Amino acid sequence: MLAIHEAGFNTASEPVYAIHQAAHDFGVPNSTLQGHYHGRKLKKEAHAHKHCLLEVEEEILVKWIVCLGHQGVPMTLSKLQQFASDFTGEEVGEKWLSHFVKVHPELKVL
């Protein structure tokens, strides 16, 4: 998107040509460029406040679980839920737990 942005504006940050033309030239849906031009956030950014953990915190949690697994310490769903709750300072629910395991297929949780 940065390349499209840079190609579509002059040095004074004024649009060089219409959004629909830029969408056509770069093979991007017109609605996508319209949204970005008007400040619409990506779904991932718009819903970030709803997540219990930041991406970096999830990465740390995944690495920790993998490390425990290499040491022969199995991770259970209840242990994972308790650790995540302790980590965030608030109770994580069953939906968070099932989603976390689903989006991290590299984890083997009992």
N, C-alpha and C. Protein backbone atom coordinates (compact mmCIF):
# COMPACT_ATOMS: atom_id res chain seq x y z
N MET A 1 0.82 -1.19 0.00
CA MET A 1 0.00 0.00 0.00
C MET A 1 0.87 1.26 0.00
N LEU A 2 2.04 1.18 0.61
CA LEU A 2 2.92 2.33 0.64
C LEU A 2 3.34 2.73 -0.77
N ALA A 3 3.63 1.75 -1.60
CA ALA A 3 4.04 2.05 -2.98
C ALA A 3 2.92 2.75 -3.74
N ILE A 4 1.69 2.30 -3.52
CA ILE A 4 0.55 2.94 -4.17
C ILE A 4 0.41 4.36 -3.66
N HIS A 5 0.55 4.53 -2.35
CA HIS A 5 0.44 5.87 -1.76
C HIS A 5 1.49 6.80 -2.35
N GLU A 6 2.74 6.34 -2.38
CA GLU A 6 3.82 7.19 -2.89
C GLU A 6 3.64 7.49 -4.37
N ALA A 7 3.15 6.52 -5.13
CA ALA A 7 2.97 6.73 -6.57
C ALA A 7 1.81 7.66 -6.86
N GLY A 8 0.86 7.74 -5.95
CA GLY A 8 -0.34 8.53 -6.21
C GLY A 8 -0.31 9.95 -5.70
N PHE A 9 0.76 10.37 -5.06
CA PHE A 9 0.84 11.72 -4.50
C PHE A 9 2.13 12.40 -4.95
N ASN A 10 2.03 13.72 -5.12
CA ASN A 10 3.25 14.47 -5.45
C ASN A 10 3.96 14.86 -4.16
N THR A 11 5.01 15.64 -4.27
CA THR A 11 5.81 15.99 -3.08
C THR A 11 5.04 16.84 -2.08
N ALA A 12 3.99 17.51 -2.52
CA ALA A 12 3.18 18.33 -1.61
C ALA A 12 2.02 17.52 -1.02
N SER A 13 2.06 16.19 -1.16
CA SER A 13 1.03 15.29 -0.67
C SER A 13 -0.34 15.57 -1.27
N GLU A 14 -0.35 16.04 -2.49
CA GLU A 14 -1.61 16.26 -3.20
C GLU A 14 -1.83 15.09 -4.14
N PRO A 15 -3.08 14.59 -4.23
CA PRO A 15 -3.33 13.46 -5.13
C PRO A 15 -2.97 13.80 -6.57
N VAL A 16 -2.29 12.87 -7.23
CA VAL A 16 -1.90 13.05 -8.62
C VAL A 16 -3.04 12.61 -9.54
N TYR A 17 -3.72 11.54 -9.20
CA TYR A 17 -4.85 11.09 -10.00
C TYR A 17 -5.90 10.44 -9.12
N ALA A 18 -7.04 10.15 -9.69
CA ALA A 18 -8.19 9.66 -8.94
C ALA A 18 -7.93 8.28 -8.33
N ILE A 19 -8.60 8.03 -7.23
CA ILE A 19 -8.46 6.76 -6.53
C ILE A 19 -8.87 5.60 -7.42
N HIS A 20 -9.96 5.77 -8.16
CA HIS A 20 -10.40 4.65 -9.01
C HIS A 20 -9.36 4.33 -10.09
N GLN A 21 -8.65 5.36 -10.57
CA GLN A 21 -7.60 5.12 -11.57
C GLN A 21 -6.41 4.40 -10.93
N ALA A 22 -6.05 4.81 -9.72
CA ALA A 22 -4.95 4.15 -9.01
C ALA A 22 -5.32 2.69 -8.72
N ALA A 23 -6.57 2.45 -8.32
CA ALA A 23 -7.02 1.09 -8.06
C ALA A 23 -6.89 0.24 -9.32
N HIS A 24 -7.29 0.79 -10.43
CA HIS A 24 -7.19 0.07 -11.71
C HIS A 24 -5.73 -0.19 -12.07
N ASP A 25 -4.89 0.84 -11.96
CA ASP A 25 -3.48 0.73 -12.34
C ASP A 25 -2.72 -0.30 -11.50
N PHE A 26 -3.08 -0.40 -10.22
CA PHE A 26 -2.36 -1.29 -9.31
C PHE A 26 -3.08 -2.61 -9.05
N GLY A 27 -4.26 -2.79 -9.66
CA GLY A 27 -5.00 -4.03 -9.49
C GLY A 27 -5.51 -4.25 -8.08
N VAL A 28 -5.94 -3.17 -7.45
CA VAL A 28 -6.45 -3.21 -6.08
C VAL A 28 -7.92 -2.81 -6.12
N PRO A 29 -8.77 -3.43 -5.31
CA PRO A 29 -10.17 -3.02 -5.30
C PRO A 29 -10.32 -1.54 -4.95
N ASN A 30 -11.22 -0.87 -5.65
CA ASN A 30 -11.46 0.55 -5.42
C ASN A 30 -11.85 0.81 -3.97
N SER A 31 -12.69 -0.06 -3.41
CA SER A 31 -13.14 0.12 -2.02
C SER A 31 -11.98 0.07 -1.03
N THR A 32 -10.97 -0.74 -1.34
CA THR A 32 -9.80 -0.84 -0.47
C THR A 32 -9.06 0.49 -0.43
N LEU A 33 -8.81 1.06 -1.60
CA LEU A 33 -8.09 2.34 -1.64
C LEU A 33 -8.93 3.46 -1.05
N GLN A 34 -10.23 3.45 -1.32
CA GLN A 34 -11.12 4.47 -0.74
C GLN A 34 -11.02 4.41 0.79
N GLY A 35 -11.09 3.21 1.32
CA GLY A 35 -11.02 3.04 2.77
C GLY A 35 -9.72 3.53 3.35
N HIS A 36 -8.61 3.17 2.73
CA HIS A 36 -7.31 3.61 3.23
C HIS A 36 -7.17 5.12 3.11
N TYR A 37 -7.63 5.67 2.02
CA TYR A 37 -7.53 7.11 1.81
C TYR A 37 -8.30 7.87 2.88
N HIS A 38 -9.44 7.32 3.28
CA HIS A 38 -10.29 7.99 4.27
C HIS A 38 -10.00 7.53 5.70
N GLY A 39 -8.90 6.81 5.90
CA GLY A 39 -8.45 6.48 7.25
C GLY A 39 -9.04 5.22 7.85
N ARG A 40 -9.69 4.39 7.07
CA ARG A 40 -10.24 3.15 7.62
C ARG A 40 -9.09 2.24 8.05
N LYS A 41 -9.25 1.63 9.20
CA LYS A 41 -8.22 0.74 9.72
C LYS A 41 -8.44 -0.68 9.20
N LEU A 42 -7.37 -1.45 9.18
CA LEU A 42 -7.47 -2.86 8.87
C LEU A 42 -8.23 -3.55 10.01
N LYS A 43 -8.88 -4.66 9.73
CA LYS A 43 -9.63 -5.38 10.77
C LYS A 43 -8.74 -5.67 11.97
N LYS A 44 -7.52 -6.09 11.69
CA LYS A 44 -6.59 -6.44 12.76
C LYS A 44 -6.34 -5.24 13.68
N GLU A 45 -6.20 -4.05 13.09
CA GLU A 45 -5.95 -2.84 13.87
C GLU A 45 -7.21 -2.38 14.59
N ALA A 46 -8.34 -2.46 13.91
CA ALA A 46 -9.59 -1.96 14.47
C ALA A 46 -10.04 -2.75 15.69
N HIS A 47 -9.72 -4.02 15.74
CA HIS A 47 -10.18 -4.87 16.83
C HIS A 47 -9.08 -5.22 17.83
N ALA A 48 -7.95 -4.56 17.74
CA ALA A 48 -6.83 -4.87 18.63
C ALA A 48 -7.19 -4.69 20.10
N HIS A 49 -8.04 -3.70 20.40
CA HIS A 49 -8.40 -3.44 21.79
C HIS A 49 -9.22 -4.57 22.41
N LYS A 50 -9.78 -5.44 21.59
CA LYS A 50 -10.59 -6.55 22.08
C LYS A 50 -9.75 -7.76 22.49
N HIS A 51 -8.49 -7.75 22.15
CA HIS A 51 -7.63 -8.89 22.43
C HIS A 51 -7.12 -8.83 23.86
N CYS A 52 -7.05 -9.99 24.49
CA CYS A 52 -6.52 -10.07 25.86
C CYS A 52 -5.02 -9.80 25.87
N LEU A 53 -4.34 -10.32 24.86
CA LEU A 53 -2.88 -10.20 24.79
C LEU A 53 -2.47 -9.47 23.52
N LEU A 54 -1.40 -8.73 23.62
CA LEU A 54 -0.81 -8.14 22.43
C LEU A 54 -0.14 -9.25 21.63
N GLU A 55 0.12 -8.99 20.35
CA GLU A 55 0.78 -10.00 19.51
C GLU A 55 2.09 -10.47 20.13
N VAL A 56 2.88 -9.52 20.62
CA VAL A 56 4.18 -9.87 21.19
C VAL A 56 4.00 -10.72 22.45
N GLU A 57 2.96 -10.45 23.23
CA GLU A 57 2.69 -11.25 24.43
C GLU A 57 2.27 -12.67 24.04
N GLU A 58 1.47 -12.78 22.97
CA GLU A 58 1.09 -14.11 22.50
C GLU A 58 2.32 -14.89 22.04
N GLU A 59 3.23 -14.21 21.35
CA GLU A 59 4.46 -14.86 20.90
C GLU A 59 5.27 -15.37 22.08
N ILE A 60 5.35 -14.57 23.13
CA ILE A 60 6.08 -14.97 24.34
C ILE A 60 5.41 -16.19 24.97
N LEU A 61 4.09 -16.15 25.05
CA LEU A 61 3.35 -17.27 25.63
C LEU A 61 3.56 -18.55 24.82
N VAL A 62 3.52 -18.44 23.50
CA VAL A 62 3.75 -19.61 22.64
C VAL A 62 5.15 -20.16 22.85
N LYS A 63 6.16 -19.28 22.89
CA LYS A 63 7.54 -19.74 23.10
C LYS A 63 7.69 -20.42 24.45
N TRP A 64 7.02 -19.89 25.46
CA TRP A 64 7.08 -20.46 26.79
C TRP A 64 6.48 -21.87 26.80
N ILE A 65 5.33 -22.04 26.14
CA ILE A 65 4.67 -23.34 26.08
C ILE A 65 5.55 -24.35 25.34
N VAL A 66 6.14 -23.91 24.22
CA VAL A 66 7.03 -24.79 23.45
C VAL A 66 8.24 -25.18 24.29
N CYS A 67 8.80 -24.22 25.02
CA CYS A 67 9.96 -24.48 25.87
C CYS A 67 9.61 -25.50 26.95
N LEU A 68 8.46 -25.34 27.57
CA LEU A 68 8.03 -26.32 28.58
C LEU A 68 7.87 -27.70 27.96
N GLY A 69 7.32 -27.74 26.75
CA GLY A 69 7.16 -29.02 26.06
C GLY A 69 8.48 -29.71 25.81
N HIS A 70 9.51 -28.93 25.43
CA HIS A 70 10.84 -29.50 25.20
C HIS A 70 11.46 -30.03 26.49
N GLN A 71 11.03 -29.48 27.62
CA GLN A 71 11.54 -29.93 28.91
C GLN A 71 10.72 -31.10 29.46
N GLY A 72 9.70 -31.52 28.69
CA GLY A 72 8.88 -32.64 29.12
C GLY A 72 7.73 -32.26 30.02
N VAL A 73 7.43 -30.97 30.11
CA VAL A 73 6.32 -30.51 30.94
C VAL A 73 5.11 -30.26 30.03
N PRO A 74 4.09 -31.11 30.13
CA PRO A 74 2.93 -30.94 29.25
C PRO A 74 2.09 -29.73 29.65
N MET A 75 1.48 -29.11 28.65
CA MET A 75 0.61 -27.96 28.89
C MET A 75 -0.84 -28.44 28.76
N THR A 76 -1.60 -28.19 29.80
CA THR A 76 -3.03 -28.52 29.75
C THR A 76 -3.81 -27.25 29.48
N LEU A 77 -5.04 -27.41 29.05
CA LEU A 77 -5.88 -26.24 28.80
C LEU A 77 -6.08 -25.42 30.07
N SER A 78 -6.27 -26.10 31.20
CA SER A 78 -6.49 -25.36 32.44
C SER A 78 -5.24 -24.60 32.87
N LYS A 79 -4.05 -25.20 32.67
CA LYS A 79 -2.80 -24.49 32.98
C LYS A 79 -2.63 -23.27 32.08
N LEU A 80 -2.92 -23.47 30.79
CA LEU A 80 -2.80 -22.37 29.84
C LEU A 80 -3.74 -21.23 30.20
N GLN A 81 -4.97 -21.57 30.54
CA GLN A 81 -5.95 -20.55 30.91
C GLN A 81 -5.50 -19.81 32.17
N GLN A 82 -4.99 -20.54 33.15
CA GLN A 82 -4.53 -19.91 34.39
C GLN A 82 -3.34 -19.00 34.13
N PHE A 83 -2.38 -19.47 33.34
CA PHE A 83 -1.20 -18.66 33.06
C PHE A 83 -1.57 -17.40 32.30
N ALA A 84 -2.43 -17.54 31.29
CA ALA A 84 -2.85 -16.37 30.51
C ALA A 84 -3.60 -15.38 31.40
N SER A 85 -4.42 -15.87 32.30
CA SER A 85 -5.14 -14.99 33.23
C SER A 85 -4.17 -14.27 34.15
N ASP A 86 -3.18 -14.98 34.65
CA ASP A 86 -2.17 -14.36 35.50
C ASP A 86 -1.36 -13.33 34.72
N PHE A 87 -1.04 -13.67 33.48
CA PHE A 87 -0.24 -12.80 32.62
C PHE A 87 -0.96 -11.50 32.30
N THR A 88 -2.27 -11.57 32.03
CA THR A 88 -3.04 -10.38 31.65
C THR A 88 -3.60 -9.63 32.85
N GLY A 89 -3.71 -10.31 33.98
CA GLY A 89 -4.29 -9.66 35.14
C GLY A 89 -5.81 -9.69 35.14
N GLU A 90 -6.39 -10.40 34.19
CA GLU A 90 -7.84 -10.57 34.15
C GLU A 90 -8.16 -11.97 33.64
N GLU A 91 -9.32 -12.45 34.00
CA GLU A 91 -9.72 -13.80 33.63
C GLU A 91 -9.92 -13.93 32.12
N VAL A 92 -9.27 -14.92 31.51
CA VAL A 92 -9.52 -15.20 30.10
C VAL A 92 -10.56 -16.31 30.02
N GLY A 93 -11.44 -16.20 29.06
CA GLY A 93 -12.54 -17.14 28.96
C GLY A 93 -12.25 -18.34 28.08
N GLU A 94 -13.26 -19.21 28.00
CA GLU A 94 -13.15 -20.42 27.19
C GLU A 94 -13.00 -20.08 25.71
N LYS A 95 -13.69 -19.03 25.25
CA LYS A 95 -13.58 -18.65 23.84
C LYS A 95 -12.16 -18.21 23.51
N TRP A 96 -11.55 -17.43 24.40
CA TRP A 96 -10.18 -17.00 24.16
C TRP A 96 -9.27 -18.22 24.08
N LEU A 97 -9.48 -19.14 24.99
CA LEU A 97 -8.64 -20.34 25.07
C LEU A 97 -8.74 -21.17 23.79
N SER A 98 -9.96 -21.44 23.33
CA SER A 98 -10.12 -22.25 22.12
C SER A 98 -9.58 -21.52 20.90
N HIS A 99 -9.76 -20.20 20.84
CA HIS A 99 -9.24 -19.42 19.71
C HIS A 99 -7.71 -19.42 19.72
N PHE A 100 -7.12 -19.26 20.89
CA PHE A 100 -5.66 -19.24 21.01
C PHE A 100 -5.06 -20.54 20.51
N VAL A 101 -5.64 -21.65 20.93
CA VAL A 101 -5.13 -22.96 20.51
C VAL A 101 -5.34 -23.15 19.00
N LYS A 102 -6.46 -22.64 18.49
CA LYS A 102 -6.76 -22.78 17.06
C LYS A 102 -5.80 -21.98 16.19
N VAL A 103 -5.43 -20.77 16.60
CA VAL A 103 -4.55 -19.93 15.78
C VAL A 103 -3.07 -20.25 15.99
N HIS A 104 -2.78 -21.13 16.93
CA HIS A 104 -1.39 -21.56 17.16
C HIS A 104 -1.32 -23.08 17.05
N PRO A 105 -1.46 -23.61 15.82
CA PRO A 105 -1.48 -25.07 15.65
C PRO A 105 -0.16 -25.74 16.01
N GLU A 106 0.90 -24.95 16.16
CA GLU A 106 2.19 -25.54 16.54
C GLU A 106 2.19 -26.00 17.99
N LEU A 107 1.19 -25.59 18.76
CA LEU A 107 1.10 -25.98 20.16
C LEU A 107 0.40 -27.31 20.32
N LYS A 108 0.91 -28.10 21.22
CA LYS A 108 0.27 -29.36 21.58
C LYS A 108 -0.20 -29.20 23.02
N VAL A 109 -1.50 -29.01 23.16
CA VAL A 109 -2.08 -28.78 24.49
C VAL A 109 -2.99 -29.95 24.83
N LEU A 110 -2.82 -30.46 26.05
CA LEU A 110 -3.63 -31.61 26.50
C LEU A 110 -4.96 -31.16 27.06
